[in-house]
Each structure stands twice: as structure tokens, then as C-alpha cells.
Amino acid sequence: MLELLKSSLENAPVVKFQDYDYFVFSIADGIPSIDTGLFTEVVDAIHSKIEGQYDKIVTAEAMGIHLAAGLSLKTGKPFTIIRKRKYGLPDETEFEQVTGYSSRKMYINGLNRGDRVVLVDDLISTGGTLIGILRALSQIGVEVVDTVIVIDKGTGRAKVEEKFGIKVKTLVGIDVADGHVHVRKD
């Protein structure tokens, strides 16, 4: 199961970004091009993990967009993108995103109190992005029905689960060591 995903990860190059080991992977970076077989495998796996009734799919800019779009086409549910740019629309919600290698403000538009959403993204590492999103969605009054992330790397998943008392579902867990991606045998 998920053989294309696992194989692609194991063959992903690793580069240094400051003091951070960053793996370059098509689903998470769009580099190289995203193979349709891999993309279909990932979207189908995300869909199979979702439990509960929801109104919308939510993702963060940028590398969750294609995942949300694929899931939207599969389910017929609309999707909303949490953006890195301020638009100044009424009811726009601003929050801080802090990752292992950067921090920035992000902006939520198009979600309202009582919306029931599924949150999808490509990667959880430190948990900073997801913590910011979950905190902001809670302040708006949006109910997160389920959360599915493609790749679990680092300690962020446990941090988010403990902080919010939710289950963060992932497709694969990885470690990056000695210049290589190693898929965990969970």
C-alpha cells in the first residue's frame, strides 16, 4: 500500500536549508513534476482516511493546494486556501505561522462560524503551521472534523495532538538522516 509514495520519498534528494535538512519531493514541493499515478494514489489515500461529515476542505498555501483540489474533485466539496497574502476582506482572520525554518503571517477568508471542515496538507514537521491554523479556526468557530497530512516528519504531530486533543492522520512517517529519507515502518 502506498508503494509509489514510499518509493518516491526514499529516492528524494536532501538539501541543507540553513541548519535544516530539507527533502525535495514532488508532492511537497512540485519538484520534479508530480506523477499522476503518485498524485492519484495520495488523493485516494487521503480520501480513505477521512471520517465524519464535512462542508469544506481547507489547506494552507502553497503545497496543500493541489491536494485539496484533487480531493475536491473526488468528493464534490469546495475547498478554501489559507493564504500567505493579506487581502483585507471583511472577516479576514490573521494568524502567525511558525515552522522549523521560517515564520510569517497567514490569512483565512471564506470560512464562517459553524463550518465543518477537513484539513489537508502535505507535511507536518514542527507542527507550527498546523498549530496556528487550528488555533485560528477555533477562534472563528470552525469545526475541524478531520485532519489528514501526507507526510509525518519530526515531532510536530505529537505536539499538535497533545495541544488540541485531536488525532492527526498521516499517510507515511519519515526520518531524514545521513542525507537520505527513510520511510518509517509504522
C-alpha atoms as a PDB file:
ATOM      1  CA  MET A   1       0.000   0.000   0.000  1.00  0.00           C
ATOM      2  CA  LEU A   2       1.230   3.492  -0.937  1.00  0.00           C
ATOM      3  CA  GLU A   3       4.184   1.971  -2.770  1.00  0.00           C
ATOM      4  CA  LEU A   4       4.581   4.906  -5.186  1.00  0.00           C
ATOM      5  CA  LEU A   5       4.589   7.371  -2.290  1.00  0.00           C
ATOM      6  CA  LYS A   6       7.116   5.393  -0.263  1.00  0.00           C
ATOM      7  CA  SER A   7       9.413   4.770  -3.223  1.00  0.00           C
ATOM      8  CA  SER A   8       9.307   8.422  -4.277  1.00  0.00           C
ATOM      9  CA  LEU A   9      10.188   9.550  -0.768  1.00  0.00           C
ATOM     10  CA  GLU A  10      13.065   7.103  -0.446  1.00  0.00           C
ATOM     11  CA  ASN A  11      14.513   8.487  -3.693  1.00  0.00           C
ATOM     12  CA  ALA A  12      14.024  12.165  -2.805  1.00  0.00           C
ATOM     13  CA  PRO A  13      17.171  14.308  -2.647  1.00  0.00           C
ATOM     14  CA  VAL A  14      18.028  16.032   0.644  1.00  0.00           C
ATOM     15  CA  VAL A  15      19.480  19.544   0.731  1.00  0.00           C
ATOM     16  CA  LYS A  16      20.567  21.785   3.604  1.00  0.00           C
ATOM     17  CA  PHE A  17      18.471  24.907   4.177  1.00  0.00           C
ATOM     18  CA  GLN A  18      20.374  26.818   6.861  1.00  0.00           C
ATOM     19  CA  ASP A  19      20.599  24.137   9.611  1.00  0.00           C
ATOM     20  CA  TYR A  20      17.528  22.273   8.374  1.00  0.00           C
ATOM     21  CA  ASP A  21      17.654  19.031   6.349  1.00  0.00           C
ATOM     22  CA  TYR A  22      15.081  19.676   3.625  1.00  0.00           C
ATOM     23  CA  PHE A  23      13.969  16.856   1.347  1.00  0.00           C
ATOM     24  CA  VAL A  24      12.831  17.783  -2.158  1.00  0.00           C
ATOM     25  CA  PHE A  25       9.734  15.810  -3.044  1.00  0.00           C
ATOM     26  CA  SER A  26       7.174  16.332  -5.792  1.00  0.00           C
ATOM     27  CA  ILE A  27       4.053  16.145  -3.596  1.00  0.00           C
ATOM     28  CA  ALA A  28       5.562  18.576  -1.086  1.00  0.00           C
ATOM     29  CA  ASP A  29       7.492  20.849  -3.480  1.00  0.00           C
ATOM     30  CA  GLY A  30       6.183  20.355  -7.010  1.00  0.00           C
ATOM     31  CA  ILE A  31       9.747  19.431  -7.998  1.00  0.00           C
ATOM     32  CA  PRO A  32      10.206  17.440 -10.106  1.00  0.00           C
ATOM     33  CA  SER A  33       6.813  17.274 -11.804  1.00  0.00           C
ATOM     34  CA  ILE A  34       4.084  15.412  -9.947  1.00  0.00           C
ATOM     35  CA  ASP A  35       3.434  11.989 -11.460  1.00  0.00           C
ATOM     36  CA  THR A  36      -0.292  11.403 -11.998  1.00  0.00           C
ATOM     37  CA  GLY A  37      -0.112   7.867 -10.612  1.00  0.00           C
ATOM     38  CA  LEU A  38       1.528   9.125  -7.423  1.00  0.00           C
ATOM     39  CA  PHE A  39      -0.940  12.012  -7.162  1.00  0.00           C
ATOM     40  CA  THR A  40      -3.937   9.701  -7.596  1.00  0.00           C
ATOM     41  CA  GLU A  41      -2.524   7.281  -5.007  1.00  0.00           C
ATOM     42  CA  VAL A  42      -2.080  10.105  -2.475  1.00  0.00           C
ATOM     43  CA  VAL A  43      -5.504  11.732  -3.028  1.00  0.00           C
ATOM     44  CA  ASP A  44      -7.242   8.338  -2.831  1.00  0.00           C
ATOM     45  CA  ALA A  45      -5.385   7.556   0.413  1.00  0.00           C
ATOM     46  CA  ILE A  46      -6.317  10.919   1.935  1.00  0.00           C
ATOM     47  CA  HIS A  47      -9.964  10.343   0.987  1.00  0.00           C
ATOM     48  CA  SER A  48      -9.958   6.862   2.533  1.00  0.00           C
ATOM     49  CA  LYS A  49      -8.799   8.245   5.904  1.00  0.00           C
ATOM     50  CA  ILE A  50     -11.478  10.924   6.275  1.00  0.00           C
ATOM     51  CA  GLU A  51     -14.215  10.211   8.810  1.00  0.00           C
ATOM     52  CA  GLY A  52     -17.271  12.313   9.513  1.00  0.00           C
ATOM     53  CA  GLN A  53     -19.473  14.730   7.624  1.00  0.00           C
ATOM     54  CA  TYR A  54     -17.951  17.996   6.423  1.00  0.00           C
ATOM     55  CA  ASP A  55     -18.829  21.015   4.288  1.00  0.00           C
ATOM     56  CA  LYS A  56     -15.444  22.164   3.007  1.00  0.00           C
ATOM     57  CA  ILE A  57     -11.840  21.154   2.549  1.00  0.00           C
ATOM     58  CA  VAL A  58      -9.203  23.517   3.953  1.00  0.00           C
ATOM     59  CA  THR A  59      -5.492  23.696   3.190  1.00  0.00           C
ATOM     60  CA  ALA A  60      -2.578  26.065   3.613  1.00  0.00           C
ATOM     61  CA  GLU A  61      -0.808  27.772   0.747  1.00  0.00           C
ATOM     62  CA  ALA A  62       1.115  26.551  -1.131  1.00  0.00           C
ATOM     63  CA  MET A  63       1.777  22.838  -1.306  1.00  0.00           C
ATOM     64  CA  GLY A  64      -1.550  21.679   0.030  1.00  0.00           C
ATOM     65  CA  ILE A  65      -3.439  23.374  -2.810  1.00  0.00           C
ATOM     66  CA  HIS A  66      -3.139  20.542  -5.312  1.00  0.00           C
ATOM     67  CA  LEU A  67      -4.101  18.013  -2.627  1.00  0.00           C
ATOM     68  CA  ALA A  68      -7.233  19.988  -1.708  1.00  0.00           C
ATOM     69  CA  ALA A  69      -8.096  20.446  -5.404  1.00  0.00           C
ATOM     70  CA  GLY A  70      -7.747  16.722  -6.089  1.00  0.00           C
ATOM     71  CA  LEU A  71      -9.830  15.856  -3.039  1.00  0.00           C
ATOM     72  CA  SER A  72     -12.412  18.466  -4.021  1.00  0.00           C
ATOM     73  CA  LEU A  73     -12.783  16.932  -7.477  1.00  0.00           C
ATOM     74  CA  LYS A  74     -13.103  13.467  -5.941  1.00  0.00           C
ATOM     75  CA  THR A  75     -15.716  14.469  -3.328  1.00  0.00           C
ATOM     76  CA  GLY A  76     -17.543  17.402  -4.891  1.00  0.00           C
ATOM     77  CA  LYS A  77     -16.772  19.508  -1.779  1.00  0.00           C
ATOM     78  CA  PRO A  78     -15.462  23.080  -2.182  1.00  0.00           C
ATOM     79  CA  PHE A  79     -12.036  23.976  -0.836  1.00  0.00           C
ATOM     80  CA  THR A  80     -10.583  27.030   0.859  1.00  0.00           C
ATOM     81  CA  ILE A  81      -6.928  28.052   0.786  1.00  0.00           C
ATOM     82  CA  ILE A  82      -5.337  29.704   3.803  1.00  0.00           C
ATOM     83  CA  ARG A  83      -3.164  32.332   2.126  1.00  0.00           C
ATOM     84  CA  LYS A  84       0.177  33.998   2.784  1.00  0.00           C
ATOM     85  CA  ARG A  85      -1.131  37.325   1.449  1.00  0.00           C
ATOM     86  CA  LYS A  86      -3.464  39.758   3.170  1.00  0.00           C
ATOM     87  CA  TYR A  87      -6.493  40.666   1.068  1.00  0.00           C
ATOM     88  CA  GLY A  88      -8.262  42.936   3.535  1.00  0.00           C
ATOM     89  CA  LEU A  89     -11.659  41.316   3.000  1.00  0.00           C
ATOM     90  CA  PRO A  90     -14.330  41.604   5.703  1.00  0.00           C
ATOM     91  CA  ASP A  91     -13.916  38.947   8.427  1.00  0.00           C
ATOM     92  CA  GLU A  92     -10.366  38.052   7.288  1.00  0.00           C
ATOM     93  CA  THR A  93      -8.525  36.277  10.103  1.00  0.00           C
ATOM     94  CA  GLU A  94      -4.782  36.760  10.510  1.00  0.00           C
ATOM     95  CA  PHE A  95      -2.503  34.373  12.403  1.00  0.00           C
ATOM     96  CA  GLU A  96       1.187  33.558  12.811  1.00  0.00           C
ATOM     97  CA  GLN A  97       2.720  30.513  11.115  1.00  0.00           C
ATOM     98  CA  VAL A  98       5.994  29.319  12.675  1.00  0.00           C
ATOM     99  CA  THR A  99       7.871  26.430  11.032  1.00  0.00           C
ATOM    100  CA  GLY A 100      11.286  24.863  11.578  1.00  0.00           C
ATOM    101  CA  TYR A 101      12.903  27.399   9.274  1.00  0.00           C
ATOM    102  CA  SER A 102      10.627  30.471   8.994  1.00  0.00           C
ATOM    103  CA  SER A 103       7.730  32.450  10.396  1.00  0.00           C
ATOM    104  CA  ARG A 104       5.112  34.582   8.655  1.00  0.00           C
ATOM    105  CA  LYS A 105       1.562  35.816   8.862  1.00  0.00           C
ATOM    106  CA  MET A 106      -1.218  33.855   7.129  1.00  0.00           C
ATOM    107  CA  TYR A 107      -4.792  34.806   6.341  1.00  0.00           C
ATOM    108  CA  ILE A 108      -8.120  32.966   6.362  1.00  0.00           C
ATOM    109  CA  ASN A 109     -11.043  34.068   4.193  1.00  0.00           C
ATOM    110  CA  GLY A 110     -14.246  32.278   3.239  1.00  0.00           C
ATOM    111  CA  LEU A 111     -14.822  30.298   6.425  1.00  0.00           C
ATOM    112  CA  ASN A 112     -17.605  31.003   8.883  1.00  0.00           C
ATOM    113  CA  ARG A 113     -18.692  30.007  12.365  1.00  0.00           C
ATOM    114  CA  GLY A 114     -20.300  26.567  12.188  1.00  0.00           C
ATOM    115  CA  ASP A 115     -18.486  25.401   9.039  1.00  0.00           C
ATOM    116  CA  ARG A 116     -17.388  21.763   9.320  1.00  0.00           C
ATOM    117  CA  VAL A 117     -14.066  21.195   7.559  1.00  0.00           C
ATOM    118  CA  VAL A 118     -11.456  18.610   6.739  1.00  0.00           C
ATOM    119  CA  LEU A 119      -7.930  19.966   6.932  1.00  0.00           C
ATOM    120  CA  VAL A 120      -5.379  18.515   4.490  1.00  0.00           C
ATOM    121  CA  ASP A 121      -1.714  19.338   3.905  1.00  0.00           C
ATOM    122  CA  ASP A 122       1.466  17.854   2.518  1.00  0.00           C
ATOM    123  CA  LEU A 123       3.736  17.746   5.584  1.00  0.00           C
ATOM    124  CA  ILE A 124       3.826  18.067   9.346  1.00  0.00           C
ATOM    125  CA  SER A 125       7.266  18.593  10.821  1.00  0.00           C
ATOM    126  CA  THR A 126       7.422  21.006  13.761  1.00  0.00           C
ATOM    127  CA  GLY A 127       3.642  21.411  13.926  1.00  0.00           C
ATOM    128  CA  GLY A 128       3.914  25.211  13.770  1.00  0.00           C
ATOM    129  CA  THR A 129       1.713  25.702  10.728  1.00  0.00           C
ATOM    130  CA  LEU A 130      -0.978  23.310  11.935  1.00  0.00           C
ATOM    131  CA  ILE A 131      -0.989  24.804  15.446  1.00  0.00           C
ATOM    132  CA  GLY A 132      -1.539  28.278  14.005  1.00  0.00           C
ATOM    133  CA  ILE A 133      -4.289  27.062  11.688  1.00  0.00           C
ATOM    134  CA  LEU A 134      -6.132  25.073  14.353  1.00  0.00           C
ATOM    135  CA  ARG A 135      -5.973  27.967  16.815  1.00  0.00           C
ATOM    136  CA  ALA A 136      -7.296  30.422  14.202  1.00  0.00           C
ATOM    137  CA  LEU A 137     -10.087  28.079  13.027  1.00  0.00           C
ATOM    138  CA  SER A 138     -11.166  27.583  16.635  1.00  0.00           C
ATOM    139  CA  GLN A 139     -11.329  31.361  17.165  1.00  0.00           C
ATOM    140  CA  ILE A 140     -13.541  31.692  14.079  1.00  0.00           C
ATOM    141  CA  GLY A 141     -15.811  28.882  15.314  1.00  0.00           C
ATOM    142  CA  VAL A 142     -14.979  26.441  12.516  1.00  0.00           C
ATOM    143  CA  GLU A 143     -15.200  22.760  13.459  1.00  0.00           C
ATOM    144  CA  VAL A 144     -12.315  20.625  12.200  1.00  0.00           C
ATOM    145  CA  VAL A 145     -13.926  17.239  11.574  1.00  0.00           C
ATOM    146  CA  ASP A 146     -10.720  15.507  10.472  1.00  0.00           C
ATOM    147  CA  THR A 147      -7.080  16.291   9.692  1.00  0.00           C
ATOM    148  CA  VAL A 148      -5.069  14.310   7.141  1.00  0.00           C
ATOM    149  CA  ILE A 149      -1.434  15.113   6.341  1.00  0.00           C
ATOM    150  CA  VAL A 150       0.560  13.205   3.725  1.00  0.00           C
ATOM    151  CA  ILE A 151       3.970  13.097   5.444  1.00  0.00           C
ATOM    152  CA  ASP A 152       4.823  12.960   9.159  1.00  0.00           C
ATOM    153  CA  LYS A 153       8.387  14.149   9.844  1.00  0.00           C
ATOM    154  CA  GLY A 154       9.635  15.211  13.230  1.00  0.00           C
ATOM    155  CA  THR A 155       7.778  15.768  16.483  1.00  0.00           C
ATOM    156  CA  GLY A 156       5.030  18.117  15.321  1.00  0.00           C
ATOM    157  CA  ARG A 157       2.281  15.526  15.062  1.00  0.00           C
ATOM    158  CA  ALA A 158       2.565  14.534  18.724  1.00  0.00           C
ATOM    159  CA  LYS A 159       2.788  18.197  19.755  1.00  0.00           C
ATOM    160  CA  VAL A 160      -0.414  19.080  17.854  1.00  0.00           C
ATOM    161  CA  GLU A 161      -2.303  16.020  19.137  1.00  0.00           C
ATOM    162  CA  GLU A 162      -1.378  16.810  22.742  1.00  0.00           C
ATOM    163  CA  LYS A 163      -2.136  20.539  22.464  1.00  0.00           C
ATOM    164  CA  PHE A 164      -5.533  20.166  20.755  1.00  0.00           C
ATOM    165  CA  GLY A 165      -6.631  16.678  21.847  1.00  0.00           C
ATOM    166  CA  ILE A 166      -7.162  15.553  18.237  1.00  0.00           C
ATOM    167  CA  LYS A 167      -5.874  12.746  16.057  1.00  0.00           C
ATOM    168  CA  VAL A 168      -3.714  13.927  13.157  1.00  0.00           C
ATOM    169  CA  LYS A 169      -3.846  11.232  10.485  1.00  0.00           C
ATOM    170  CA  THR A 170      -0.867  10.799   8.189  1.00  0.00           C
ATOM    171  CA  LEU A 171      -0.119   8.573   5.209  1.00  0.00           C
ATOM    172  CA  VAL A 172       3.568   7.907   5.919  1.00  0.00           C
ATOM    173  CA  GLY A 173       6.144   8.752   8.545  1.00  0.00           C
ATOM    174  CA  ILE A 174       9.704   9.605   7.575  1.00  0.00           C
ATOM    175  CA  ASP A 175      13.034  10.469   9.105  1.00  0.00           C
ATOM    176  CA  VAL A 176      15.805  12.329   7.324  1.00  0.00           C
ATOM    177  CA  ALA A 177      19.293  11.181   8.296  1.00  0.00           C
ATOM    178  CA  ASP A 178      22.676  10.925   6.641  1.00  0.00           C
ATOM    179  CA  GLY A 179      21.412  12.803   3.576  1.00  0.00           C
ATOM    180  CA  HIS A 180      18.573  10.333   2.902  1.00  0.00           C
ATOM    181  CA  VAL A 181      14.848   9.989   3.502  1.00  0.00           C
ATOM    182  CA  HIS A 182      13.928   6.865   5.465  1.00  0.00           C
ATOM    183  CA  VAL A 183      10.280   5.756   5.470  1.00  0.00           C
ATOM    184  CA  ARG A 184       9.239   4.512   8.900  1.00  0.00           C
ATOM    185  CA  LYS A 185       7.797   1.019   9.186  1.00  0.00           C
ATOM    186  CA  ASP A 186       4.813   2.133  11.330  1.00  0.00           C
END
